[in-house]
Amino acid sequence: MKLLFVMIGGFFGAICRFALSEWIHTNNEFPLATLLINESGCFLLGWFLTFVSQLRKIRPEFTLLVGTGFIGSFTTFSTFSMETLSLIQSGFIFMAFFYVLTSTVLGILLAYAGYHFAIAKREK
């Protein structure tokens, strides 16, 4: 049954990622769509896991559906890795470095912001 929840969440997360990447798609070399998708996923997961941990009556399947399934398939480390490699192979070393640095540092900051957003909403 747990697998079903992950599959359902993953199905919708992958569709949302695809739709957003098509909508955000740019013609330049920088992978803006993946950056924005992954960073929003960092914020959402930080918020969601904090919010759920504060509630005592949430079923674990809900966390699997949204956290593991939806947000897990919405974000994509493999695409980030391949786009970074492509930037390096194309000679855009500085852009690749900027992409990695921005993705990791901003991702951690946004996860932290999501955590604090959930805490602040709970305290009100």
PDB file of N, CA and C in Angstrom:
ATOM      1  N   MET A   1       0.823  -1.203   0.000  1.00  0.00           N
ATOM      2  CA  MET A   1       0.000   0.000   0.000  1.00  0.00           C
ATOM      3  C   MET A   1       0.870   1.272   0.000  1.00  0.00           C
ATOM      4  N   LYS A   2       2.001   1.226   0.736  1.00  0.00           N
ATOM      5  CA  LYS A   2       2.893   2.384   0.776  1.00  0.00           C
ATOM      6  C   LYS A   2       3.418   2.711  -0.623  1.00  0.00           C
ATOM      7  N   LEU A   3       3.737   1.682  -1.365  1.00  0.00           N
ATOM      8  CA  LEU A   3       4.245   1.872  -2.720  1.00  0.00           C
ATOM      9  C   LEU A   3       3.230   2.606  -3.593  1.00  0.00           C
ATOM     10  N   LEU A   4       1.967   2.302  -3.411  1.00  0.00           N
ATOM     11  CA  LEU A   4       0.913   2.961  -4.181  1.00  0.00           C
ATOM     12  C   LEU A   4       0.894   4.465  -3.913  1.00  0.00           C
ATOM     13  N   PHE A   5       1.049   4.850  -2.654  1.00  0.00           N
ATOM     14  CA  PHE A   5       1.065   6.279  -2.316  1.00  0.00           C
ATOM     15  C   PHE A   5       2.258   6.976  -2.965  1.00  0.00           C
ATOM     16  N   VAL A   6       3.432   6.343  -2.927  1.00  0.00           N
ATOM     17  CA  VAL A   6       4.620   6.924  -3.566  1.00  0.00           C
ATOM     18  C   VAL A   6       4.405   7.029  -5.067  1.00  0.00           C
ATOM     19  N   MET A   7       3.808   6.007  -5.676  1.00  0.00           N
ATOM     20  CA  MET A   7       3.575   6.007  -7.120  1.00  0.00           C
ATOM     21  C   MET A   7       2.607   7.112  -7.534  1.00  0.00           C
ATOM     22  N   ILE A   8       1.542   7.284  -6.786  1.00  0.00           N
ATOM     23  CA  ILE A   8       0.557   8.318  -7.121  1.00  0.00           C
ATOM     24  C   ILE A   8       1.183   9.705  -6.992  1.00  0.00           C
ATOM     25  N   GLY A   9       1.860   9.952  -5.883  1.00  0.00           N
ATOM     26  CA  GLY A   9       2.533  11.238  -5.705  1.00  0.00           C
ATOM     27  C   GLY A   9       3.589  11.463  -6.768  1.00  0.00           C
ATOM     28  N   GLY A  10       4.354  10.422  -7.081  1.00  0.00           N
ATOM     29  CA  GLY A  10       5.398  10.526  -8.094  1.00  0.00           C
ATOM     30  C   GLY A  10       4.843  10.831  -9.468  1.00  0.00           C
ATOM     31  N   PHE A  11       3.713  10.232  -9.787  1.00  0.00           N
ATOM     32  CA  PHE A  11       3.065  10.485 -11.075  1.00  0.00           C
ATOM     33  C   PHE A  11       2.748  11.968 -11.241  1.00  0.00           C
ATOM     34  N   PHE A  12       2.119  12.545 -10.231  1.00  0.00           N
ATOM     35  CA  PHE A  12       1.727  13.951 -10.323  1.00  0.00           C
ATOM     36  C   PHE A  12       2.919  14.895 -10.204  1.00  0.00           C
ATOM     37  N   GLY A  13       3.908  14.530  -9.409  1.00  0.00           N
ATOM     38  CA  GLY A  13       5.117  15.346  -9.290  1.00  0.00           C
ATOM     39  C   GLY A  13       5.874  15.413 -10.605  1.00  0.00           C
ATOM     40  N   ALA A  14       5.986  14.267 -11.288  1.00  0.00           N
ATOM     41  CA  ALA A  14       6.697  14.231 -12.572  1.00  0.00           C
ATOM     42  C   ALA A  14       5.956  15.039 -13.631  1.00  0.00           C
ATOM     43  N   ILE A  15       4.643  14.960 -13.626  1.00  0.00           N
ATOM     44  CA  ILE A  15       3.851  15.742 -14.585  1.00  0.00           C
ATOM     45  C   ILE A  15       4.025  17.233 -14.327  1.00  0.00           C
ATOM     46  N   CYS A  16       3.988  17.632 -13.065  1.00  0.00           N
ATOM     47  CA  CYS A  16       4.176  19.050 -12.735  1.00  0.00           C
ATOM     48  C   CYS A  16       5.571  19.523 -13.120  1.00  0.00           C
ATOM     49  N   ARG A  17       6.585  18.695 -12.874  1.00  0.00           N
ATOM     50  CA  ARG A  17       7.948  19.071 -13.260  1.00  0.00           C
ATOM     51  C   ARG A  17       8.045  19.248 -14.771  1.00  0.00           C
ATOM     52  N   PHE A  18       7.489  18.321 -15.511  1.00  0.00           N
ATOM     53  CA  PHE A  18       7.535  18.409 -16.969  1.00  0.00           C
ATOM     54  C   PHE A  18       6.818  19.667 -17.454  1.00  0.00           C
ATOM     55  N   ALA A  19       5.625  19.918 -16.932  1.00  0.00           N
ATOM     56  CA  ALA A  19       4.844  21.081 -17.355  1.00  0.00           C
ATOM     57  C   ALA A  19       5.579  22.380 -17.041  1.00  0.00           C
ATOM     58  N   LEU A  20       6.143  22.478 -15.848  1.00  0.00           N
ATOM     59  CA  LEU A  20       6.871  23.693 -15.491  1.00  0.00           C
ATOM     60  C   LEU A  20       8.137  23.869 -16.318  1.00  0.00           C
ATOM     61  N   SER A  21       8.833  22.782 -16.579  1.00  0.00           N
ATOM     62  CA  SER A  21      10.052  22.903 -17.377  1.00  0.00           C
ATOM     63  C   SER A  21       9.730  23.318 -18.817  1.00  0.00           C
ATOM     64  N   GLU A  22       8.591  22.902 -19.330  1.00  0.00           N
ATOM     65  CA  GLU A  22       8.160  23.344 -20.654  1.00  0.00           C
ATOM     66  C   GLU A  22       7.759  24.817 -20.627  1.00  0.00           C
ATOM     67  N   TRP A  23       7.106  25.229 -19.578  1.00  0.00           N
ATOM     68  CA  TRP A  23       6.621  26.599 -19.448  1.00  0.00           C
ATOM     69  C   TRP A  23       7.778  27.574 -19.216  1.00  0.00           C
ATOM     70  N   ILE A  24       8.761  27.175 -18.386  1.00  0.00           N
ATOM     71  CA  ILE A  24       9.894  28.032 -18.047  1.00  0.00           C
ATOM     72  C   ILE A  24      10.983  27.966 -19.111  1.00  0.00           C
ATOM     73  N   HIS A  25      10.933  26.997 -19.957  1.00  0.00           N
ATOM     74  CA  HIS A  25      12.002  26.726 -20.925  1.00  0.00           C
ATOM     75  C   HIS A  25      12.571  28.003 -21.535  1.00  0.00           C
ATOM     76  N   THR A  26      13.891  28.071 -21.518  1.00  0.00           N
ATOM     77  CA  THR A  26      14.581  29.212 -22.114  1.00  0.00           C
ATOM     78  C   THR A  26      15.493  28.723 -23.229  1.00  0.00           C
ATOM     79  N   ASN A  27      15.836  29.586 -24.131  1.00  0.00           N
ATOM     80  CA  ASN A  27      16.683  29.222 -25.264  1.00  0.00           C
ATOM     81  C   ASN A  27      18.170  29.392 -24.974  1.00  0.00           C
ATOM     82  N   ASN A  28      18.522  29.955 -23.822  1.00  0.00           N
ATOM     83  CA  ASN A  28      19.939  30.144 -23.530  1.00  0.00           C
ATOM     84  C   ASN A  28      20.535  28.882 -22.916  1.00  0.00           C
ATOM     85  N   GLU A  29      21.797  28.932 -22.605  1.00  0.00           N
ATOM     86  CA  GLU A  29      22.524  27.768 -22.112  1.00  0.00           C
ATOM     87  C   GLU A  29      22.236  27.436 -20.647  1.00  0.00           C
ATOM     88  N   PHE A  30      21.845  28.437 -19.852  1.00  0.00           N
ATOM     89  CA  PHE A  30      21.672  28.212 -18.414  1.00  0.00           C
ATOM     90  C   PHE A  30      20.378  27.453 -18.129  1.00  0.00           C
ATOM     91  N   PRO A  31      20.440  26.384 -17.335  1.00  0.00           N
ATOM     92  CA  PRO A  31      19.262  25.546 -17.045  1.00  0.00           C
ATOM     93  C   PRO A  31      18.349  26.154 -15.972  1.00  0.00           C
ATOM     94  N   LEU A  32      17.721  27.255 -16.311  1.00  0.00           N
ATOM     95  CA  LEU A  32      16.882  27.989 -15.366  1.00  0.00           C
ATOM     96  C   LEU A  32      15.699  27.159 -14.868  1.00  0.00           C
ATOM     97  N   ALA A  33      15.070  26.403 -15.728  1.00  0.00           N
ATOM     98  CA  ALA A  33      13.890  25.623 -15.330  1.00  0.00           C
ATOM     99  C   ALA A  33      14.237  24.638 -14.222  1.00  0.00           C
ATOM    100  N   THR A  34      15.301  23.889 -14.385  1.00  0.00           N
ATOM    101  CA  THR A  34      15.689  22.912 -13.364  1.00  0.00           C
ATOM    102  C   THR A  34      16.059  23.608 -12.066  1.00  0.00           C
ATOM    103  N   LEU A  35      16.767  24.725 -12.169  1.00  0.00           N
ATOM    104  CA  LEU A  35      17.134  25.471 -10.970  1.00  0.00           C
ATOM    105  C   LEU A  35      15.888  25.903 -10.198  1.00  0.00           C
ATOM    106  N   LEU A  36      14.927  26.512 -10.890  1.00  0.00           N
ATOM    107  CA  LEU A  36      13.716  26.990 -10.211  1.00  0.00           C
ATOM    108  C   LEU A  36      12.881  25.848  -9.645  1.00  0.00           C
ATOM    109  N   ILE A  37      12.790  24.765 -10.380  1.00  0.00           N
ATOM    110  CA  ILE A  37      12.026  23.610  -9.906  1.00  0.00           C
ATOM    111  C   ILE A  37      12.680  23.004  -8.667  1.00  0.00           C
ATOM    112  N   ASN A  38      13.982  22.783  -8.726  1.00  0.00           N
ATOM    113  CA  ASN A  38      14.669  22.187  -7.587  1.00  0.00           C
ATOM    114  C   ASN A  38      14.642  23.096  -6.362  1.00  0.00           C
ATOM    115  N   GLU A  39      14.812  24.390  -6.575  1.00  0.00           N
ATOM    116  CA  GLU A  39      14.807  25.313  -5.430  1.00  0.00           C
ATOM    117  C   GLU A  39      13.421  25.406  -4.803  1.00  0.00           C
ATOM    118  N   SER A  40      12.381  25.441  -5.609  1.00  0.00           N
ATOM    119  CA  SER A  40      11.030  25.457  -5.031  1.00  0.00           C
ATOM    120  C   SER A  40      10.751  24.152  -4.302  1.00  0.00           C
ATOM    121  N   GLY A  41      11.275  23.044  -4.811  1.00  0.00           N
ATOM    122  CA  GLY A  41      11.131  21.758  -4.128  1.00  0.00           C
ATOM    123  C   GLY A  41      11.833  21.740  -2.782  1.00  0.00           C
ATOM    124  N   CYS A  42      12.991  22.389  -2.682  1.00  0.00           N
ATOM    125  CA  CYS A  42      13.700  22.486  -1.401  1.00  0.00           C
ATOM    126  C   CYS A  42      12.849  23.219  -0.373  1.00  0.00           C
ATOM    127  N   PHE A  43      12.275  24.341  -0.802  1.00  0.00           N
ATOM    128  CA  PHE A  43      11.407  25.099   0.110  1.00  0.00           C
ATOM    129  C   PHE A  43      10.187  24.270   0.508  1.00  0.00           C
ATOM    130  N   LEU A  44       9.537  23.656  -0.471  1.00  0.00           N
ATOM    131  CA  LEU A  44       8.327  22.873  -0.193  1.00  0.00           C
ATOM    132  C   LEU A  44       8.601  21.705   0.744  1.00  0.00           C
ATOM    133  N   LEU A  45       9.689  20.988   0.523  1.00  0.00           N
ATOM    134  CA  LEU A  45       9.988  19.844   1.383  1.00  0.00           C
ATOM    135  C   LEU A  45      10.354  20.298   2.787  1.00  0.00           C
ATOM    136  N   GLY A  46      11.117  21.388   2.899  1.00  0.00           N
ATOM    137  CA  GLY A  46      11.425  21.928   4.220  1.00  0.00           C
ATOM    138  C   GLY A  46      10.168  22.317   4.973  1.00  0.00           C
ATOM    139  N   TRP A  47       9.259  22.984   4.267  1.00  0.00           N
ATOM    140  CA  TRP A  47       7.992  23.385   4.887  1.00  0.00           C
ATOM    141  C   TRP A  47       7.136  22.162   5.219  1.00  0.00           C
ATOM    142  N   PHE A  48       6.965  21.282   4.249  1.00  0.00           N
ATOM    143  CA  PHE A  48       6.055  20.153   4.408  1.00  0.00           C
ATOM    144  C   PHE A  48       6.470  19.231   5.551  1.00  0.00           C
ATOM    145  N   LEU A  49       7.729  18.828   5.581  1.00  0.00           N
ATOM    146  CA  LEU A  49       8.170  17.899   6.625  1.00  0.00           C
ATOM    147  C   LEU A  49       8.094  18.524   8.008  1.00  0.00           C
ATOM    148  N   THR A  50       8.359  19.816   8.098  1.00  0.00           N
ATOM    149  CA  THR A  50       8.232  20.509   9.384  1.00  0.00           C
ATOM    150  C   THR A  50       6.770  20.610   9.789  1.00  0.00           C
ATOM    151  N   PHE A  51       5.929  20.989   8.858  1.00  0.00           N
ATOM    152  CA  PHE A  51       4.495  21.120   9.127  1.00  0.00           C
ATOM    153  C   PHE A  51       3.900  19.784   9.569  1.00  0.00           C
ATOM    154  N   VAL A  52       4.224  18.728   8.860  1.00  0.00           N
ATOM    155  CA  VAL A  52       3.683  17.405   9.174  1.00  0.00           C
ATOM    156  C   VAL A  52       4.201  16.913  10.521  1.00  0.00           C
ATOM    157  N   SER A  53       5.449  17.203  10.839  1.00  0.00           N
ATOM    158  CA  SER A  53       6.008  16.735  12.112  1.00  0.00           C
ATOM    159  C   SER A  53       5.319  17.392  13.304  1.00  0.00           C
ATOM    160  N   GLN A  54       4.721  18.545  13.089  1.00  0.00           N
ATOM    161  CA  GLN A  54       4.028  19.244  14.168  1.00  0.00           C
ATOM    162  C   GLN A  54       2.606  18.747  14.374  1.00  0.00           C
ATOM    163  N   LEU A  55       2.076  18.044  13.400  1.00  0.00           N
ATOM    164  CA  LEU A  55       0.722  17.517  13.508  1.00  0.00           C
ATOM    165  C   LEU A  55       0.786  16.085  14.001  1.00  0.00           C
ATOM    166  N   ARG A  56      -0.037  15.747  14.913  1.00  0.00           N
ATOM    167  CA  ARG A  56       0.017  14.405  15.507  1.00  0.00           C
ATOM    168  C   ARG A  56      -0.902  13.404  14.803  1.00  0.00           C
ATOM    169  N   LYS A  57      -1.847  13.897  14.026  1.00  0.00           N
ATOM    170  CA  LYS A  57      -2.853  13.007  13.446  1.00  0.00           C
ATOM    171  C   LYS A  57      -2.673  12.773  11.948  1.00  0.00           C
ATOM    172  N   ILE A  58      -1.504  13.068  11.419  1.00  0.00           N
ATOM    173  CA  ILE A  58      -1.254  12.852   9.987  1.00  0.00           C
ATOM    174  C   ILE A  58      -0.784  11.418   9.787  1.00  0.00           C
ATOM    175  N   ARG A  59      -1.393  10.768   8.852  1.00  0.00           N
ATOM    176  CA  ARG A  59      -1.001   9.387   8.548  1.00  0.00           C
ATOM    177  C   ARG A  59       0.329   9.378   7.799  1.00  0.00           C
ATOM    178  N   PRO A  60       1.175   8.388   8.069  1.00  0.00           N
ATOM    179  CA  PRO A  60       2.475   8.314   7.395  1.00  0.00           C
ATOM    180  C   PRO A  60       2.351   8.185   5.874  1.00  0.00           C
ATOM    181  N   GLU A  61       1.250   7.638   5.401  1.00  0.00           N
ATOM    182  CA  GLU A  61       1.037   7.512   3.956  1.00  0.00           C
ATOM    183  C   GLU A  61       0.959   8.877   3.278  1.00  0.00           C
ATOM    184  N   PHE A  62       0.461   9.865   4.000  1.00  0.00           N
ATOM    185  CA  PHE A  62       0.379  11.213   3.450  1.00  0.00           C
ATOM    186  C   PHE A  62       1.778  11.781   3.202  1.00  0.00           C
ATOM    187  N   THR A  63       2.691  11.515   4.131  1.00  0.00           N
ATOM    188  CA  THR A  63       4.078  11.940   3.958  1.00  0.00           C
ATOM    189  C   THR A  63       4.705  11.234   2.762  1.00  0.00           C
ATOM    190  N   LEU A  64       4.416   9.965   2.584  1.00  0.00           N
ATOM    191  CA  LEU A  64       4.919   9.227   1.423  1.00  0.00           C
ATOM    192  C   LEU A  64       4.359   9.800   0.124  1.00  0.00           C
ATOM    193  N   LEU A  65       3.066  10.107   0.125  1.00  0.00           N
ATOM    194  CA  LEU A  65       2.402  10.643  -1.064  1.00  0.00           C
ATOM    195  C   LEU A  65       3.006  11.988  -1.476  1.00  0.00           C
ATOM    196  N   VAL A  66       3.095  12.907  -0.524  1.00  0.00           N
ATOM    197  CA  VAL A  66       3.527  14.271  -0.846  1.00  0.00           C
ATOM    198  C   VAL A  66       5.047  14.415  -0.810  1.00  0.00           C
ATOM    199  N   GLY A  67       5.676  14.003   0.281  1.00  0.00           N
ATOM    200  CA  GLY A  67       7.121  14.208   0.438  1.00  0.00           C
ATOM    201  C   GLY A  67       7.952  13.338  -0.489  1.00  0.00           C
ATOM    202  N   THR A  68       7.810  12.034  -0.347  1.00  0.00           N
ATOM    203  CA  THR A  68       8.604  11.105  -1.150  1.00  0.00           C
ATOM    204  C   THR A  68       8.120  11.064  -2.593  1.00  0.00           C
ATOM    205  N   GLY A  69       6.819  10.935  -2.785  1.00  0.00           N
ATOM    206  CA  GLY A  69       6.270  10.791  -4.126  1.00  0.00           C
ATOM    207  C   GLY A  69       6.266  12.080  -4.920  1.00  0.00           C
ATOM    208  N   PHE A  70       5.436  13.033  -4.504  1.00  0.00           N
ATOM    209  CA  PHE A  70       5.262  14.253  -5.298  1.00  0.00           C
ATOM    210  C   PHE A  70       6.529  15.105  -5.341  1.00  0.00           C
ATOM    211  N   ILE A  71       7.005  15.543  -4.170  1.00  0.00           N
ATOM    212  CA  ILE A  71       8.162  16.448  -4.155  1.00  0.00           C
ATOM    213  C   ILE A  71       9.418  15.719  -4.621  1.00  0.00           C
ATOM    214  N   GLY A  72       9.537  14.434  -4.286  1.00  0.00           N
ATOM    215  CA  GLY A  72      10.692  13.659  -4.725  1.00  0.00           C
ATOM    216  C   GLY A  72      10.799  13.537  -6.235  1.00  0.00           C
ATOM    217  N   SER A  73       9.680  13.390  -6.903  1.00  0.00           N
ATOM    218  CA  SER A  73       9.724  13.291  -8.368  1.00  0.00           C
ATOM    219  C   SER A  73       9.637  14.662  -9.040  1.00  0.00           C
ATOM    220  N   PHE A  74       9.159  15.640  -8.306  1.00  0.00           N
ATOM    221  CA  PHE A  74       9.097  17.011  -8.837  1.00  0.00           C
ATOM    222  C   PHE A  74      10.512  17.570  -8.995  1.00  0.00           C
ATOM    223  N   THR A  75      11.343  17.343  -7.997  1.00  0.00           N
ATOM    224  CA  THR A  75      12.733  17.799  -8.083  1.00  0.00           C
ATOM    225  C   THR A  75      13.563  16.723  -8.768  1.00  0.00           C
ATOM    226  N   THR A  76      14.742  17.111  -9.240  1.00  0.00           N
ATOM    227  CA  THR A  76      15.521  16.144 -10.000  1.00  0.00           C
ATOM    228  C   THR A  76      17.017  16.391  -9.888  1.00  0.00           C
ATOM    229  N   PHE A  77      17.683  15.562  -9.126  1.00  0.00           N
ATOM    230  CA  PHE A  77      19.126  15.685  -8.981  1.00  0.00           C
ATOM    231  C   PHE A  77      19.854  15.179 -10.220  1.00  0.00           C
ATOM    232  N   SER A  78      19.313  14.171 -10.845  1.00  0.00           N
ATOM    233  CA  SER A  78      19.979  13.612 -12.029  1.00  0.00           C
ATOM    234  C   SER A  78      20.015  14.620 -13.181  1.00  0.00           C
ATOM    235  N   THR A  79      18.928  15.344 -13.402  1.00  0.00           N
ATOM    236  CA  THR A  79      18.927  16.361 -14.452  1.00  0.00           C
ATOM    237  C   THR A  79      19.904  17.477 -14.099  1.00  0.00           C
ATOM    238  N   PHE A  80      19.911  17.886 -12.855  1.00  0.00           N
ATOM    239  CA  PHE A  80      20.870  18.889 -12.388  1.00  0.00           C
ATOM    240  C   PHE A  80      22.301  18.436 -12.684  1.00  0.00           C
ATOM    241  N   SER A  81      22.607  17.192 -12.380  1.00  0.00           N
ATOM    242  CA  SER A  81      23.954  16.662 -12.609  1.00  0.00           C
ATOM    243  C   SER A  81      24.318  16.640 -14.087  1.00  0.00           C
ATOM    244  N   MET A  82      23.418  16.182 -14.915  1.00  0.00           N
ATOM    245  CA  MET A  82      23.696  16.113 -16.351  1.00  0.00           C
ATOM    246  C   MET A  82      23.795  17.500 -16.981  1.00  0.00           C
ATOM    247  N   GLU A  83      22.975  18.428 -16.527  1.00  0.00           N
ATOM    248  CA  GLU A  83      23.064  19.790 -17.052  1.00  0.00           C
ATOM    249  C   GLU A  83      24.379  20.447 -16.640  1.00  0.00           C
ATOM    250  N   THR A  84      24.831  20.160 -15.436  1.00  0.00           N
ATOM    251  CA  THR A  84      26.132  20.669 -14.993  1.00  0.00           C
ATOM    252  C   THR A  84      27.248  20.089 -15.860  1.00  0.00           C
ATOM    253  N   LEU A  85      27.201  18.791 -16.094  1.00  0.00           N
ATOM    254  CA  LEU A  85      28.194  18.143 -16.949  1.00  0.00           C
ATOM    255  C   LEU A  85      28.168  18.727 -18.361  1.00  0.00           C
ATOM    256  N   SER A  86      26.998  18.965 -18.886  1.00  0.00           N
ATOM    257  CA  SER A  86      26.859  19.545 -20.219  1.00  0.00           C
ATOM    258  C   SER A  86      27.461  20.948 -20.285  1.00  0.00           C
ATOM    259  N   LEU A  87      27.247  21.741 -19.244  1.00  0.00           N
ATOM    260  CA  LEU A  87      27.843  23.074 -19.196  1.00  0.00           C
ATOM    261  C   LEU A  87      29.372  22.980 -19.210  1.00  0.00           C
ATOM    262  N   ILE A  88      29.909  22.054 -18.430  1.00  0.00           N
ATOM    263  CA  ILE A  88      31.363  21.871 -18.382  1.00  0.00           C
ATOM    264  C   ILE A  88      31.892  21.426 -19.736  1.00  0.00           C
ATOM    265  N   GLN A  89      31.241  20.449 -20.348  1.00  0.00           N
ATOM    266  CA  GLN A  89      31.682  19.937 -21.644  1.00  0.00           C
ATOM    267  C   GLN A  89      31.577  20.988 -22.752  1.00  0.00           C
ATOM    268  N   SER A  90      30.668  21.929 -22.589  1.00  0.00           N
ATOM    269  CA  SER A  90      30.505  22.999 -23.580  1.00  0.00           C
ATOM    270  C   SER A  90      31.456  24.162 -23.337  1.00  0.00           C
ATOM    271  N   GLY A  91      32.253  24.053 -22.290  1.00  0.00           N
ATOM    272  CA  GLY A  91      33.225  25.103 -21.995  1.00  0.00           C
ATOM    273  C   GLY A  91      32.708  26.212 -21.104  1.00  0.00           C
ATOM    274  N   PHE A  92      31.520  26.066 -20.575  1.00  0.00           N
ATOM    275  CA  PHE A  92      30.934  27.075 -19.689  1.00  0.00           C
ATOM    276  C   PHE A  92      31.268  26.736 -18.233  1.00  0.00           C
ATOM    277  N   ILE A  93      32.548  26.754 -17.920  1.00  0.00           N
ATOM    278  CA  ILE A  93      33.021  26.341 -16.600  1.00  0.00           C
ATOM    279  C   ILE A  93      32.476  27.259 -15.508  1.00  0.00           C
ATOM    280  N   PHE A  94      32.564  28.565 -15.711  1.00  0.00           N
ATOM    281  CA  PHE A  94      32.063  29.508 -14.709  1.00  0.00           C
ATOM    282  C   PHE A  94      30.566  29.332 -14.500  1.00  0.00           C
ATOM    283  N   MET A  95      29.820  29.164 -15.586  1.00  0.00           N
ATOM    284  CA  MET A  95      28.372  28.982 -15.482  1.00  0.00           C
ATOM    285  C   MET A  95      28.043  27.691 -14.736  1.00  0.00           C
ATOM    286  N   ALA A  96      28.819  26.620 -14.985  1.00  0.00           N
ATOM    287  CA  ALA A  96      28.611  25.354 -14.275  1.00  0.00           C
ATOM    288  C   ALA A  96      28.877  25.531 -12.783  1.00  0.00           C
ATOM    289  N   PHE A  97      29.964  26.225 -12.459  1.00  0.00           N
ATOM    290  CA  PHE A  97      30.294  26.491 -11.057  1.00  0.00           C
ATOM    291  C   PHE A  97      29.191  27.310 -10.395  1.00  0.00           C
ATOM    292  N   PHE A  98      28.716  28.337 -11.089  1.00  0.00           N
ATOM    293  CA  PHE A  98      27.632  29.177 -10.580  1.00  0.00           C
ATOM    294  C   PHE A  98      26.357  28.353 -10.353  1.00  0.00           C
ATOM    295  N   TYR A  99      26.055  27.477 -11.286  1.00  0.00           N
ATOM    296  CA  TYR A  99      24.867  26.622 -11.197  1.00  0.00           C
ATOM    297  C   TYR A  99      24.945  25.698  -9.985  1.00  0.00           C
ATOM    298  N   VAL A 100      26.091  25.072  -9.789  1.00  0.00           N
ATOM    299  CA  VAL A 100      26.266  24.157  -8.648  1.00  0.00           C
ATOM    300  C   VAL A 100      26.202  24.926  -7.340  1.00  0.00           C
ATOM    301  N   LEU A 101      26.910  26.026  -7.264  1.00  0.00           N
ATOM    302  CA  LEU A 101      26.934  26.828  -6.048  1.00  0.00           C
ATOM    303  C   LEU A 101      25.544  27.380  -5.723  1.00  0.00           C
ATOM    304  N   THR A 102      24.894  27.938  -6.729  1.00  0.00           N
ATOM    305  CA  THR A 102      23.551  28.485  -6.525  1.00  0.00           C
ATOM    306  C   THR A 102      22.568  27.394  -6.113  1.00  0.00           C
ATOM    307  N   SER A 103      22.610  26.271  -6.792  1.00  0.00           N
ATOM    308  CA  SER A 103      21.684  25.176  -6.490  1.00  0.00           C
ATOM    309  C   SER A 103      21.850  24.671  -5.070  1.00  0.00           C
ATOM    310  N   THR A 104      23.079  24.469  -4.640  1.00  0.00           N
ATOM    311  CA  THR A 104      23.287  23.889  -3.311  1.00  0.00           C
ATOM    312  C   THR A 104      23.052  24.907  -2.195  1.00  0.00           C
ATOM    313  N   VAL A 105      23.675  26.054  -2.298  1.00  0.00           N
ATOM    314  CA  VAL A 105      23.539  27.043  -1.228  1.00  0.00           C
ATOM    315  C   VAL A 105      22.100  27.555  -1.133  1.00  0.00           C
ATOM    316  N   LEU A 106      21.537  27.928  -2.270  1.00  0.00           N
ATOM    317  CA  LEU A 106      20.157  28.426  -2.265  1.00  0.00           C
ATOM    318  C   LEU A 106      19.179  27.324  -1.847  1.00  0.00           C
ATOM    319  N   GLY A 107      19.446  26.094  -2.270  1.00  0.00           N
ATOM    320  CA  GLY A 107      18.584  24.977  -1.877  1.00  0.00           C
ATOM    321  C   GLY A 107      18.546  24.779  -0.371  1.00  0.00           C
ATOM    322  N   ILE A 108      19.707  24.835   0.266  1.00  0.00           N
ATOM    323  CA  ILE A 108      19.764  24.693   1.726  1.00  0.00           C
ATOM    324  C   ILE A 108      19.072  25.866   2.404  1.00  0.00           C
ATOM    325  N   LEU A 109      19.309  27.069   1.900  1.00  0.00           N
ATOM    326  CA  LEU A 109      18.663  28.252   2.476  1.00  0.00           C
ATOM    327  C   LEU A 109      17.142  28.199   2.324  1.00  0.00           C
ATOM    328  N   LEU A 110      16.676  27.725   1.182  1.00  0.00           N
ATOM    329  CA  LEU A 110      15.227  27.638   0.968  1.00  0.00           C
ATOM    330  C   LEU A 110      14.594  26.523   1.807  1.00  0.00           C
ATOM    331  N   ALA A 111      15.290  25.421   1.994  1.00  0.00           N
ATOM    332  CA  ALA A 111      14.779  24.375   2.889  1.00  0.00           C
ATOM    333  C   ALA A 111      14.672  24.929   4.313  1.00  0.00           C
ATOM    334  N   TYR A 112      15.669  25.693   4.708  1.00  0.00           N
ATOM    335  CA  TYR A 112      15.668  26.338   6.023  1.00  0.00           C
ATOM    336  C   TYR A 112      14.522  27.354   6.123  1.00  0.00           C
ATOM    337  N   ALA A 113      14.312  28.110   5.056  1.00  0.00           N
ATOM    338  CA  ALA A 113      13.203  29.075   5.027  1.00  0.00           C
ATOM    339  C   ALA A 113      11.856  28.362   5.112  1.00  0.00           C
ATOM    340  N   GLY A 114      11.714  27.243   4.400  1.00  0.00           N
ATOM    341  CA  GLY A 114      10.487  26.465   4.478  1.00  0.00           C
ATOM    342  C   GLY A 114      10.234  25.954   5.884  1.00  0.00           C
ATOM    343  N   TYR A 115      11.301  25.497   6.533  1.00  0.00           N
ATOM    344  CA  TYR A 115      11.209  25.041   7.925  1.00  0.00           C
ATOM    345  C   TYR A 115      10.705  26.171   8.814  1.00  0.00           C
ATOM    346  N   HIS A 116      11.316  27.346   8.699  1.00  0.00           N
ATOM    347  CA  HIS A 116      10.914  28.477   9.534  1.00  0.00           C
ATOM    348  C   HIS A 116       9.531  29.002   9.180  1.00  0.00           C
ATOM    349  N   PHE A 117       9.149  28.929   7.937  1.00  0.00           N
ATOM    350  CA  PHE A 117       7.806  29.335   7.531  1.00  0.00           C
ATOM    351  C   PHE A 117       6.762  28.438   8.204  1.00  0.00           C
ATOM    352  N   ALA A 118       7.030  27.143   8.251  1.00  0.00           N
ATOM    353  CA  ALA A 118       6.104  26.211   8.902  1.00  0.00           C
ATOM    354  C   ALA A 118       6.043  26.466  10.404  1.00  0.00           C
ATOM    355  N   ILE A 119       7.174  26.736  11.007  1.00  0.00           N
ATOM    356  CA  ILE A 119       7.220  27.026  12.445  1.00  0.00           C
ATOM    357  C   ILE A 119       6.456  28.306  12.747  1.00  0.00           C
ATOM    358  N   ALA A 120       6.681  29.343  11.957  1.00  0.00           N
ATOM    359  CA  ALA A 120       6.028  30.635  12.178  1.00  0.00           C
ATOM    360  C   ALA A 120       4.525  30.521  12.021  1.00  0.00           C
ATOM    361  N   LYS A 121       4.063  29.776  11.041  1.00  0.00           N
ATOM    362  CA  LYS A 121       2.617  29.606  10.833  1.00  0.00           C
ATOM    363  C   LYS A 121       1.995  28.826  11.991  1.00  0.00           C
ATOM    364  N   ARG A 122       2.741  27.901  12.549  1.00  0.00           N
ATOM    365  CA  ARG A 122       2.241  27.080  13.655  1.00  0.00           C
ATOM    366  C   ARG A 122       2.122  27.895  14.927  1.00  0.00           C
ATOM    367  N   GLU A 123       3.050  28.841  15.138  1.00  0.00           N
ATOM    368  CA  GLU A 123       3.070  29.646  16.368  1.00  0.00           C
ATOM    369  C   GLU A 123       1.959  30.687  16.396  1.00  0.00           C
ATOM    370  N   LYS A 124       1.396  31.033  15.250  1.00  0.00           N
ATOM    371  CA  LYS A 124       0.335  32.060  15.214  1.00  0.00           C
ATOM    372  C   LYS A 124      -0.988  31.494  15.598  1.00  0.00           C
TER     373      LYS A 124
END
